[in-house]
N, C-alpha and C. Protein backbone atom coordinates (compact mmCIF):
# COMPACT_ATOMS: atom_id res chain seq x y z
N MET A 1 -25.81 -40.66 12.78
CA MET A 1 -25.98 -40.18 11.41
C MET A 1 -25.99 -38.65 11.34
N LYS A 2 -26.79 -38.04 12.25
CA LYS A 2 -26.85 -36.58 12.26
C LYS A 2 -25.50 -35.98 12.64
N THR A 3 -24.79 -36.61 13.56
CA THR A 3 -23.49 -36.12 13.99
C THR A 3 -22.50 -36.15 12.84
N ARG A 4 -22.53 -37.22 12.08
CA ARG A 4 -21.62 -37.35 10.93
C ARG A 4 -21.91 -36.29 9.86
N MET A 5 -23.19 -36.08 9.58
CA MET A 5 -23.58 -35.09 8.59
C MET A 5 -23.18 -33.68 9.07
N PHE A 6 -23.43 -33.40 10.36
CA PHE A 6 -23.06 -32.11 10.91
C PHE A 6 -21.55 -31.89 10.82
N ARG A 7 -20.77 -32.93 11.14
CA ARG A 7 -19.31 -32.84 11.06
C ARG A 7 -18.87 -32.56 9.62
N ASN A 8 -19.46 -33.24 8.65
CA ASN A 8 -19.11 -33.02 7.24
C ASN A 8 -19.43 -31.60 6.78
N ILE A 9 -20.53 -31.06 7.25
CA ILE A 9 -20.91 -29.69 6.90
C ILE A 9 -19.90 -28.70 7.48
N ILE A 10 -19.53 -28.92 8.75
CA ILE A 10 -18.55 -28.03 9.41
C ILE A 10 -17.21 -28.08 8.67
N VAL A 11 -16.75 -29.28 8.31
CA VAL A 11 -15.48 -29.43 7.59
C VAL A 11 -15.55 -28.72 6.23
N ALA A 12 -16.66 -28.89 5.52
CA ALA A 12 -16.82 -28.25 4.21
C ALA A 12 -16.78 -26.73 4.34
N VAL A 13 -17.45 -26.18 5.35
CA VAL A 13 -17.46 -24.73 5.55
C VAL A 13 -16.06 -24.23 5.91
N LEU A 14 -15.38 -24.91 6.81
CA LEU A 14 -14.04 -24.48 7.22
C LEU A 14 -13.04 -24.56 6.08
N CYS A 15 -13.21 -25.53 5.20
CA CYS A 15 -12.30 -25.64 4.05
C CYS A 15 -12.59 -24.60 2.99
N THR A 16 -13.81 -24.10 2.94
CA THR A 16 -14.21 -23.13 1.92
C THR A 16 -13.78 -21.72 2.29
N ILE A 17 -13.73 -21.38 3.55
CA ILE A 17 -13.41 -20.02 3.99
C ILE A 17 -12.05 -19.55 3.47
N PRO A 18 -10.94 -20.32 3.63
CA PRO A 18 -9.66 -19.81 3.10
C PRO A 18 -9.66 -19.65 1.59
N VAL A 19 -10.33 -20.53 0.87
CA VAL A 19 -10.40 -20.42 -0.59
C VAL A 19 -11.16 -19.17 -0.98
N ALA A 20 -12.26 -18.90 -0.31
CA ALA A 20 -13.04 -17.70 -0.62
C ALA A 20 -12.23 -16.45 -0.35
N ALA A 21 -11.45 -16.44 0.72
CA ALA A 21 -10.63 -15.28 1.04
C ALA A 21 -9.57 -15.05 -0.04
N LEU A 22 -8.96 -16.12 -0.53
CA LEU A 22 -7.95 -15.99 -1.59
C LEU A 22 -8.57 -15.47 -2.88
N VAL A 23 -9.72 -15.98 -3.24
CA VAL A 23 -10.37 -15.55 -4.47
C VAL A 23 -10.76 -14.09 -4.37
N GLN A 24 -11.25 -13.68 -3.21
CA GLN A 24 -11.63 -12.29 -3.03
C GLN A 24 -10.41 -11.38 -3.07
N ALA A 25 -9.28 -11.85 -2.57
CA ALA A 25 -8.07 -11.03 -2.54
C ALA A 25 -7.51 -10.80 -3.93
N HIS A 26 -7.73 -11.73 -4.84
CA HIS A 26 -7.20 -11.58 -6.19
C HIS A 26 -8.23 -10.86 -7.05
N HIS A 27 -7.78 -10.20 -8.07
CA HIS A 27 -8.68 -9.39 -8.89
C HIS A 27 -8.32 -9.53 -10.37
N SER A 28 -9.23 -9.09 -11.19
CA SER A 28 -9.02 -9.08 -12.63
C SER A 28 -8.35 -7.76 -13.01
N PHE A 29 -7.35 -7.82 -13.90
CA PHE A 29 -6.66 -6.60 -14.34
C PHE A 29 -7.64 -5.57 -14.87
N PRO A 30 -8.53 -5.92 -15.85
CA PRO A 30 -9.42 -4.89 -16.40
C PRO A 30 -10.42 -4.34 -15.39
N ALA A 31 -10.68 -5.09 -14.33
CA ALA A 31 -11.61 -4.59 -13.31
C ALA A 31 -10.96 -3.49 -12.47
N GLN A 32 -9.65 -3.55 -12.29
CA GLN A 32 -8.97 -2.59 -11.42
C GLN A 32 -8.18 -1.53 -12.18
N TYR A 33 -7.64 -1.88 -13.35
CA TYR A 33 -6.77 -0.95 -14.08
C TYR A 33 -7.33 -0.66 -15.47
N ASP A 34 -7.00 0.53 -15.97
CA ASP A 34 -7.45 0.96 -17.29
C ASP A 34 -6.24 1.04 -18.22
N ILE A 35 -6.12 0.08 -19.13
CA ILE A 35 -4.98 0.03 -20.05
C ILE A 35 -4.95 1.25 -20.97
N ASP A 36 -6.08 1.94 -21.12
CA ASP A 36 -6.14 3.13 -21.95
C ASP A 36 -5.75 4.39 -21.18
N ARG A 37 -5.29 4.23 -19.93
CA ARG A 37 -4.83 5.37 -19.13
C ARG A 37 -3.39 5.10 -18.65
N PRO A 38 -2.44 5.16 -19.58
CA PRO A 38 -1.05 4.94 -19.19
C PRO A 38 -0.50 6.16 -18.44
N ALA A 39 0.48 5.90 -17.60
CA ALA A 39 1.13 6.99 -16.87
C ALA A 39 2.57 6.62 -16.58
N THR A 40 3.39 7.64 -16.41
CA THR A 40 4.78 7.48 -15.97
C THR A 40 4.96 8.37 -14.76
N ILE A 41 5.47 7.77 -13.68
CA ILE A 41 5.55 8.46 -12.40
C ILE A 41 6.96 8.29 -11.84
N GLU A 42 7.49 9.38 -11.29
CA GLU A 42 8.82 9.35 -10.67
C GLU A 42 8.67 9.62 -9.18
N GLY A 43 9.42 8.87 -8.38
CA GLY A 43 9.37 9.10 -6.94
C GLY A 43 10.41 8.30 -6.19
N LEU A 44 10.35 8.42 -4.86
CA LEU A 44 11.28 7.74 -3.96
C LEU A 44 10.59 6.55 -3.29
N VAL A 45 11.23 5.40 -3.33
CA VAL A 45 10.67 4.20 -2.70
C VAL A 45 10.62 4.40 -1.19
N THR A 46 9.44 4.09 -0.62
CA THR A 46 9.26 4.18 0.84
C THR A 46 9.07 2.80 1.46
N LYS A 47 8.64 1.82 0.65
CA LYS A 47 8.40 0.48 1.17
C LYS A 47 8.36 -0.51 0.00
N PHE A 48 8.83 -1.73 0.24
CA PHE A 48 8.84 -2.80 -0.78
C PHE A 48 8.29 -4.05 -0.11
N GLU A 49 7.16 -4.55 -0.62
CA GLU A 49 6.51 -5.73 -0.04
C GLU A 49 6.67 -6.92 -0.98
N TRP A 50 7.53 -7.84 -0.62
CA TRP A 50 7.82 -9.05 -1.38
C TRP A 50 6.87 -10.13 -0.88
N ARG A 51 5.64 -10.18 -1.47
CA ARG A 51 4.62 -11.11 -0.98
C ARG A 51 3.69 -11.51 -2.12
N ASN A 52 2.99 -12.58 -1.91
CA ASN A 52 1.96 -13.01 -2.85
C ASN A 52 0.60 -12.56 -2.34
N PRO A 53 -0.42 -12.38 -3.17
CA PRO A 53 -0.45 -12.79 -4.57
C PRO A 53 0.26 -11.83 -5.52
N HIS A 54 0.62 -10.61 -5.06
CA HIS A 54 1.35 -9.67 -5.90
C HIS A 54 2.40 -8.96 -5.07
N VAL A 55 3.52 -8.65 -5.72
CA VAL A 55 4.56 -7.85 -5.10
C VAL A 55 4.14 -6.38 -5.26
N TYR A 56 4.33 -5.60 -4.20
CA TYR A 56 4.00 -4.18 -4.22
C TYR A 56 5.20 -3.36 -3.76
N PHE A 57 5.27 -2.14 -4.27
CA PHE A 57 6.16 -1.17 -3.67
C PHE A 57 5.43 0.16 -3.61
N PHE A 58 5.92 1.04 -2.75
CA PHE A 58 5.26 2.31 -2.50
C PHE A 58 6.29 3.42 -2.67
N MET A 59 5.83 4.55 -3.20
CA MET A 59 6.74 5.67 -3.42
C MET A 59 6.08 6.97 -2.99
N ASP A 60 6.91 7.89 -2.52
CA ASP A 60 6.48 9.26 -2.33
C ASP A 60 6.69 9.97 -3.67
N VAL A 61 5.62 10.57 -4.17
CA VAL A 61 5.65 11.26 -5.45
C VAL A 61 5.37 12.74 -5.18
N PHE A 62 6.20 13.62 -5.74
CA PHE A 62 6.08 15.05 -5.51
C PHE A 62 5.44 15.72 -6.72
N ASP A 63 4.47 16.60 -6.48
CA ASP A 63 3.88 17.36 -7.58
C ASP A 63 4.66 18.65 -7.80
N GLU A 64 4.22 19.47 -8.74
CA GLU A 64 4.93 20.70 -9.11
C GLU A 64 5.03 21.68 -7.94
N GLU A 65 4.10 21.61 -7.00
CA GLU A 65 4.08 22.53 -5.86
C GLU A 65 4.84 21.98 -4.65
N GLY A 66 5.41 20.78 -4.80
CA GLY A 66 6.18 20.19 -3.71
C GLY A 66 5.37 19.35 -2.74
N ASN A 67 4.08 19.16 -3.04
CA ASN A 67 3.24 18.31 -2.20
C ASN A 67 3.58 16.85 -2.44
N VAL A 68 3.50 16.04 -1.39
CA VAL A 68 3.84 14.62 -1.47
C VAL A 68 2.57 13.79 -1.45
N GLU A 69 2.53 12.80 -2.32
CA GLU A 69 1.42 11.83 -2.32
C GLU A 69 2.04 10.44 -2.36
N GLU A 70 1.53 9.53 -1.52
CA GLU A 70 2.03 8.16 -1.54
C GLU A 70 1.30 7.38 -2.63
N TRP A 71 2.07 6.75 -3.50
CA TRP A 71 1.54 5.93 -4.57
C TRP A 71 1.89 4.47 -4.30
N SER A 72 1.01 3.58 -4.75
CA SER A 72 1.23 2.13 -4.66
C SER A 72 1.44 1.61 -6.08
N PHE A 73 2.35 0.64 -6.21
CA PHE A 73 2.67 0.06 -7.51
C PHE A 73 2.57 -1.45 -7.41
N GLU A 74 1.73 -2.03 -8.24
CA GLU A 74 1.53 -3.47 -8.23
C GLU A 74 2.37 -4.12 -9.31
N LEU A 75 3.04 -5.20 -8.93
CA LEU A 75 3.81 -6.01 -9.86
C LEU A 75 3.16 -7.39 -9.94
N SER A 76 3.86 -8.34 -10.49
CA SER A 76 3.36 -9.70 -10.62
C SER A 76 3.58 -10.46 -9.31
N ASN A 77 3.41 -11.77 -9.35
CA ASN A 77 3.65 -12.60 -8.17
C ASN A 77 5.15 -12.86 -7.98
N ILE A 78 5.50 -13.40 -6.83
CA ILE A 78 6.92 -13.62 -6.50
C ILE A 78 7.61 -14.51 -7.53
N SER A 79 6.97 -15.59 -7.95
CA SER A 79 7.61 -16.50 -8.92
C SER A 79 7.92 -15.79 -10.23
N ALA A 80 6.97 -15.04 -10.73
CA ALA A 80 7.19 -14.31 -11.98
C ALA A 80 8.28 -13.26 -11.81
N MET A 81 8.30 -12.60 -10.67
CA MET A 81 9.32 -11.58 -10.44
C MET A 81 10.71 -12.21 -10.32
N ARG A 82 10.80 -13.38 -9.68
CA ARG A 82 12.09 -14.09 -9.62
C ARG A 82 12.57 -14.46 -11.02
N ASN A 83 11.63 -14.89 -11.88
CA ASN A 83 11.98 -15.24 -13.25
C ASN A 83 12.50 -14.03 -14.03
N ARG A 84 12.15 -12.84 -13.58
CA ARG A 84 12.62 -11.60 -14.23
C ARG A 84 13.89 -11.06 -13.56
N GLY A 85 14.43 -11.84 -12.61
CA GLY A 85 15.68 -11.45 -11.96
C GLY A 85 15.52 -10.65 -10.69
N TRP A 86 14.30 -10.49 -10.20
CA TRP A 86 14.08 -9.72 -8.99
C TRP A 86 14.24 -10.60 -7.76
N SER A 87 14.52 -9.94 -6.62
CA SER A 87 14.53 -10.61 -5.32
C SER A 87 13.96 -9.64 -4.30
N SER A 88 13.92 -10.08 -3.06
CA SER A 88 13.41 -9.21 -2.00
C SER A 88 14.36 -8.04 -1.73
N GLU A 89 15.53 -8.05 -2.37
CA GLU A 89 16.53 -6.99 -2.18
C GLU A 89 16.64 -6.05 -3.38
N THR A 90 15.82 -6.25 -4.41
CA THR A 90 15.94 -5.46 -5.64
C THR A 90 15.70 -3.98 -5.39
N LEU A 91 14.68 -3.66 -4.61
CA LEU A 91 14.39 -2.26 -4.31
C LEU A 91 14.71 -1.97 -2.85
N GLN A 92 15.21 -0.78 -2.61
CA GLN A 92 15.53 -0.33 -1.26
C GLN A 92 14.83 1.00 -1.00
N VAL A 93 14.48 1.23 0.25
CA VAL A 93 13.91 2.52 0.63
C VAL A 93 14.90 3.61 0.22
N GLY A 94 14.37 4.64 -0.45
CA GLY A 94 15.21 5.74 -0.91
C GLY A 94 15.59 5.66 -2.37
N ASP A 95 15.37 4.50 -3.02
CA ASP A 95 15.66 4.40 -4.45
C ASP A 95 14.79 5.38 -5.23
N LEU A 96 15.39 6.07 -6.19
CA LEU A 96 14.65 6.99 -7.06
C LEU A 96 14.31 6.23 -8.33
N LEU A 97 13.00 6.07 -8.59
CA LEU A 97 12.54 5.27 -9.73
C LEU A 97 11.62 6.07 -10.64
N THR A 98 11.59 5.65 -11.89
CA THR A 98 10.61 6.11 -12.87
C THR A 98 9.82 4.88 -13.27
N VAL A 99 8.51 4.92 -13.05
CA VAL A 99 7.66 3.75 -13.24
C VAL A 99 6.56 4.08 -14.24
N SER A 100 6.37 3.18 -15.22
CA SER A 100 5.30 3.33 -16.20
C SER A 100 4.33 2.16 -16.07
N GLY A 101 3.07 2.43 -16.40
CA GLY A 101 2.07 1.38 -16.34
C GLY A 101 0.68 1.94 -16.54
N SER A 102 -0.31 1.20 -16.05
CA SER A 102 -1.71 1.58 -16.20
C SER A 102 -2.28 2.06 -14.88
N LEU A 103 -3.01 3.18 -14.94
CA LEU A 103 -3.62 3.75 -13.74
C LEU A 103 -4.83 2.95 -13.27
N ALA A 104 -5.13 3.09 -11.99
CA ALA A 104 -6.32 2.45 -11.41
C ALA A 104 -7.58 3.12 -11.95
N ARG A 105 -8.60 2.32 -12.15
CA ARG A 105 -9.88 2.84 -12.65
C ARG A 105 -10.56 3.79 -11.66
N ASP A 106 -10.33 3.57 -10.36
CA ASP A 106 -11.01 4.38 -9.35
C ASP A 106 -10.29 5.69 -9.03
N ASN A 107 -9.27 6.03 -9.83
CA ASN A 107 -8.49 7.26 -9.67
C ASN A 107 -7.69 7.33 -8.38
N SER A 108 -7.51 6.20 -7.72
CA SER A 108 -6.65 6.16 -6.53
C SER A 108 -5.20 6.21 -6.99
N PRO A 109 -4.28 6.56 -6.11
CA PRO A 109 -2.86 6.62 -6.48
C PRO A 109 -2.25 5.21 -6.54
N LEU A 110 -2.67 4.47 -7.55
CA LEU A 110 -2.27 3.07 -7.73
C LEU A 110 -1.97 2.85 -9.20
N LEU A 111 -0.87 2.16 -9.48
CA LEU A 111 -0.45 1.91 -10.86
C LEU A 111 -0.01 0.46 -10.99
N ASN A 112 -0.46 -0.21 -12.03
CA ASN A 112 0.04 -1.53 -12.35
C ASN A 112 1.31 -1.32 -13.18
N ALA A 113 2.46 -1.63 -12.59
CA ALA A 113 3.75 -1.29 -13.20
C ALA A 113 4.12 -2.27 -14.31
N THR A 114 4.46 -1.72 -15.47
CA THR A 114 4.95 -2.53 -16.59
C THR A 114 6.41 -2.23 -16.91
N GLU A 115 6.90 -1.08 -16.44
CA GLU A 115 8.31 -0.73 -16.62
C GLU A 115 8.79 0.01 -15.38
N VAL A 116 9.92 -0.44 -14.85
CA VAL A 116 10.52 0.18 -13.67
C VAL A 116 11.98 0.48 -14.02
N LYS A 117 12.36 1.75 -13.89
CA LYS A 117 13.74 2.17 -14.19
C LYS A 117 14.33 2.92 -13.00
N ARG A 118 15.62 2.73 -12.81
CA ARG A 118 16.34 3.57 -11.86
C ARG A 118 16.56 4.92 -12.54
N THR A 119 16.02 5.96 -11.94
CA THR A 119 16.04 7.29 -12.56
C THR A 119 17.47 7.80 -12.75
N ASP A 120 18.33 7.59 -11.75
CA ASP A 120 19.69 8.13 -11.84
C ASP A 120 20.55 7.46 -12.90
N SER A 121 20.42 6.14 -13.08
CA SER A 121 21.27 5.43 -14.04
C SER A 121 20.55 5.07 -15.34
N GLY A 122 19.22 5.10 -15.31
CA GLY A 122 18.44 4.70 -16.49
C GLY A 122 18.35 3.20 -16.66
N VAL A 123 18.88 2.43 -15.70
CA VAL A 123 18.84 0.97 -15.78
C VAL A 123 17.39 0.49 -15.62
N THR A 124 16.93 -0.32 -16.57
CA THR A 124 15.58 -0.87 -16.52
C THR A 124 15.59 -2.13 -15.68
N LEU A 125 14.73 -2.15 -14.67
CA LEU A 125 14.61 -3.31 -13.79
C LEU A 125 13.48 -4.23 -14.23
N LEU A 126 12.51 -3.69 -14.93
CA LEU A 126 11.35 -4.48 -15.36
C LEU A 126 10.92 -4.01 -16.73
């Protein structure tokens, strides 16, 4: 009896750990981003991560003095991005983009992207 109960407790704990990790990895938009702080940022793509729970890309952004800062841009999940016509090949390292969205609440170089345009052609990707 004790062995069975112990086994059930172990199984319950092991099944809960991955779920807890997923819940912790996901976040609420208003907790991380401030919709009242819109921004538009231009830069060069340095990395594109086609993964769940959110697709990310990273850009080198230059200020007026020529200093470079790496910014992160969060998009939706893979399924939603596919529905918008995106694939793992949509962005390439070196692409020059203009991205608009909401800034992170913690003032980190992070933006939730709502519009992505190719700067050279003006083509809107998102």
